[in-house]
């Protein structure tokens, strides 16, 4: 990440947790909401009647505070789940560049079962046999999510990769 680049990409639930907490002052919460909406720093400065530099500094402070808060929540969730990773979102990438996006709360080996658990998706299963399970790239993209967060991220990724379209992937629906 370049200096002065801050990404405020939170799930709805994470954003609500931040707004309910007392880690930010009310004016900073308003700025955060504007940043999440995609407003530029110059636009926020103009609306707030303050300098560009002031908003940049507030943005940096907001980013650092929310980052610490999210890391704390992440560690807390990890501790509460002990050996459980919560829900995970994963992507299977096939040699033909088609993808499948899924979620699970199981251990990966159990969920994937060398590709045998995908027998109900005939097209995908035929390609698993054709290419071989070991030739399919498996990536866990999110961990320690609630089921709701995982479903939201899965839907976002399906739309992003267009994996619900046969040309690009194997997902049958969102």
Protein backbone atom coordinates (compact mmCIF):
# COMPACT_ATOMS: atom_id res chain seq x y z
CA UNK A 1 0.00 0.00 0.00
CA UNK A 2 1.38 3.38 -0.97
CA UNK A 3 1.74 6.10 1.60
CA UNK A 4 -1.51 8.05 2.06
CA UNK A 5 -3.65 5.31 0.47
CA UNK A 6 -6.29 4.01 2.81
CA UNK A 7 -8.92 1.45 1.88
CA UNK A 8 -12.20 1.53 3.75
CA UNK A 9 -13.66 -1.72 2.45
CA UNK A 10 -15.73 -3.19 5.27
CA UNK A 11 -18.60 -5.63 5.26
CA UNK A 12 -21.89 -4.11 6.37
CA UNK A 13 -21.59 -5.90 9.70
CA UNK A 14 -18.02 -4.69 10.30
CA UNK A 15 -19.02 -1.12 9.47
CA UNK A 16 -21.97 -1.32 11.86
CA UNK A 17 -19.67 -2.62 14.62
CA UNK A 18 -17.30 0.30 14.05
CA UNK A 19 -20.13 2.84 14.10
CA UNK A 20 -21.62 1.35 17.30
CA UNK A 21 -18.27 1.30 19.08
CA UNK A 22 -16.76 4.32 20.77
CA UNK A 23 -13.42 4.18 18.93
CA UNK A 24 -14.36 7.15 16.73
CA UNK A 25 -15.79 10.55 17.52
CA UNK A 26 -19.07 11.46 15.83
CA UNK A 27 -17.39 13.75 13.29
CA UNK A 28 -14.99 10.93 12.37
CA UNK A 29 -17.90 8.52 11.96
CA UNK A 30 -19.46 10.97 9.49
CA UNK A 31 -16.18 11.21 7.58
CA UNK A 32 -15.85 7.41 7.56
CA UNK A 33 -19.34 7.04 6.09
CA UNK A 34 -18.47 9.53 3.35
CA UNK A 35 -15.23 7.66 2.59
CA UNK A 36 -17.05 4.32 2.42
CA UNK A 37 -19.55 5.93 0.03
CA UNK A 38 -16.59 6.76 -2.20
CA UNK A 39 -16.41 10.52 -1.75
CA UNK A 40 -13.05 12.12 -2.38
CA UNK A 41 -11.06 13.89 0.31
CA UNK A 42 -11.39 17.20 -1.52
CA UNK A 43 -15.18 16.81 -1.71
CA UNK A 44 -15.38 15.97 2.01
CA UNK A 45 -13.15 18.95 2.85
CA UNK A 46 -15.38 21.23 0.80
CA UNK A 47 -18.57 19.90 2.46
CA UNK A 48 -17.03 20.17 5.95
CA UNK A 49 -15.53 23.63 5.47
CA UNK A 50 -12.04 22.46 6.42
CA UNK A 51 -8.74 22.05 4.66
CA UNK A 52 -7.73 19.13 2.49
CA UNK A 53 -4.83 18.44 4.88
CA UNK A 54 -7.19 18.24 7.89
CA UNK A 55 -9.34 15.62 6.18
CA UNK A 56 -6.21 13.69 5.11
CA UNK A 57 -5.05 13.59 8.72
CA UNK A 58 -8.50 12.57 9.96
CA UNK A 59 -8.63 9.87 7.26
CA UNK A 60 -5.28 8.48 8.41
CA UNK A 61 -6.37 8.48 12.06
CA UNK A 62 -9.71 6.86 11.19
CA UNK A 63 -7.93 4.19 9.16
CA UNK A 64 -5.50 3.38 11.98
CA UNK A 65 -8.24 3.28 14.62
CA UNK A 66 -10.54 1.06 12.56
CA UNK A 67 -7.65 -1.19 11.54
CA UNK A 68 -6.75 -1.75 15.22
CA UNK A 69 -10.41 -2.33 16.04
CA UNK A 70 -10.84 -4.87 13.22
CA UNK A 71 -7.64 -6.69 14.20
CA UNK A 72 -8.88 -6.83 17.80
CA UNK A 73 -12.26 -8.20 16.63
CA UNK A 74 -10.45 -10.71 14.39
CA UNK A 75 -8.28 -11.95 17.28
CA UNK A 76 -11.33 -12.09 19.55
CA UNK A 77 -13.28 -14.14 16.97
CA UNK A 78 -10.28 -16.41 16.48
CA UNK A 79 -10.00 -16.95 20.25
CA UNK A 80 -13.74 -17.64 20.55
CA UNK A 81 -13.60 -20.14 17.70
CA UNK A 82 -10.49 -21.85 19.14
CA UNK A 83 -9.59 -24.40 16.42
CA UNK A 84 -12.47 -23.36 14.23
CA UNK A 85 -11.76 -20.87 11.46
CA UNK A 86 -15.42 -19.83 11.32
CA UNK A 87 -16.71 -19.61 7.78
CA UNK A 88 -14.28 -19.43 4.90
CA UNK A 89 -14.74 -18.27 1.31
CA UNK A 90 -12.68 -20.15 -1.25
CA UNK A 91 -12.01 -20.10 -4.97
CA UNK A 92 -11.23 -23.15 -7.07
CA UNK A 93 -9.48 -22.21 -10.32
CA UNK A 94 -9.42 -24.81 -13.08
CA UNK A 95 -6.80 -25.12 -15.84
CA UNK A 96 -9.43 -23.86 -18.32
CA UNK A 97 -9.55 -20.61 -16.25
CA UNK A 98 -13.08 -21.24 -15.04
CA UNK A 99 -13.67 -20.71 -11.32
CA UNK A 100 -15.94 -21.95 -8.60
CA UNK A 101 -16.55 -19.84 -5.51
CA UNK A 102 -17.84 -21.47 -2.35
CA UNK A 103 -18.07 -21.17 1.42
CA UNK A 104 -17.53 -23.69 4.17
CA UNK A 105 -17.15 -23.95 7.90
CA UNK A 106 -15.48 -27.36 7.58
CA UNK A 107 -11.78 -28.07 7.28
CA UNK A 108 -10.77 -27.77 3.62
CA UNK A 109 -9.73 -31.41 3.22
CA UNK A 110 -13.10 -32.58 4.52
CA UNK A 111 -15.10 -30.10 2.43
CA UNK A 112 -13.25 -30.73 -0.80
CA UNK A 113 -12.81 -34.49 -0.31
CA UNK A 114 -10.52 -34.66 -3.37
CA UNK A 115 -13.31 -33.18 -5.48
CA UNK A 116 -15.83 -35.93 -4.69
CA UNK A 117 -18.17 -33.54 -2.86
CA UNK A 118 -18.95 -31.71 -6.10
CA UNK A 119 -20.64 -34.64 -7.82
CA UNK A 120 -24.01 -32.84 -7.83
CA UNK A 121 -22.53 -30.17 -10.14
CA UNK A 122 -22.09 -32.41 -13.19
CA UNK A 123 -20.23 -29.93 -15.41
CA UNK A 124 -17.76 -29.09 -12.68
CA UNK A 125 -17.35 -32.69 -11.57
CA UNK A 126 -16.61 -33.81 -15.16
CA UNK A 127 -13.88 -31.16 -15.35
CA UNK A 128 -12.48 -32.28 -11.98
CA UNK A 129 -12.13 -35.77 -13.45
CA UNK A 130 -10.79 -34.37 -16.76
CA UNK A 131 -8.08 -32.13 -15.21
CA UNK A 132 -7.44 -34.03 -11.99
CA UNK A 133 -8.05 -32.65 -8.50
CA UNK A 134 -4.36 -31.87 -7.94
CA UNK A 135 -4.29 -29.61 -11.02
CA UNK A 136 -7.00 -27.34 -9.65
CA UNK A 137 -5.77 -24.28 -7.75
CA UNK A 138 -7.41 -23.90 -4.33
CA UNK A 139 -7.35 -20.53 -2.55
CA UNK A 140 -8.94 -19.54 0.74
CA UNK A 141 -9.65 -15.84 0.25
CA UNK A 142 -11.43 -15.05 3.54
CA UNK A 143 -11.36 -16.72 6.95
CA UNK A 144 -12.95 -16.12 10.35
CA UNK A 145 -16.24 -14.84 8.94
CA UNK A 146 -19.74 -15.24 10.22
CA UNK A 147 -22.07 -17.14 7.93
CA UNK A 148 -23.75 -13.90 6.87
CA UNK A 149 -20.42 -12.24 6.03
CA UNK A 150 -19.27 -15.33 4.12
CA UNK A 151 -22.46 -15.44 2.03
CA UNK A 152 -22.08 -11.73 1.25
CA UNK A 153 -18.44 -12.14 0.18
CA UNK A 154 -19.29 -15.24 -1.87
CA UNK A 155 -21.96 -13.31 -3.76
CA UNK A 156 -19.59 -10.39 -4.39
CA UNK A 157 -16.93 -12.74 -5.77
CA UNK A 158 -19.42 -14.64 -7.96
CA UNK A 159 -20.50 -11.33 -9.49
CA UNK A 160 -16.89 -10.14 -9.84
CA UNK A 161 -15.68 -13.34 -11.54
CA UNK A 162 -19.01 -13.89 -13.36
CA UNK A 163 -18.72 -17.50 -12.25
CA UNK A 164 -22.50 -17.97 -12.49
CA UNK A 165 -22.09 -17.77 -16.28
CA UNK A 166 -21.07 -21.08 -17.85
CA UNK A 167 -18.39 -19.33 -19.93
CA UNK A 168 -16.53 -18.19 -16.78
CA UNK A 169 -17.34 -20.61 -14.00
CA UNK A 170 -19.29 -23.37 -12.33
CA UNK A 171 -21.51 -21.58 -9.82
CA UNK A 172 -25.15 -22.31 -10.57
CA UNK A 173 -26.55 -19.34 -8.65
CA UNK A 174 -25.63 -16.62 -6.18
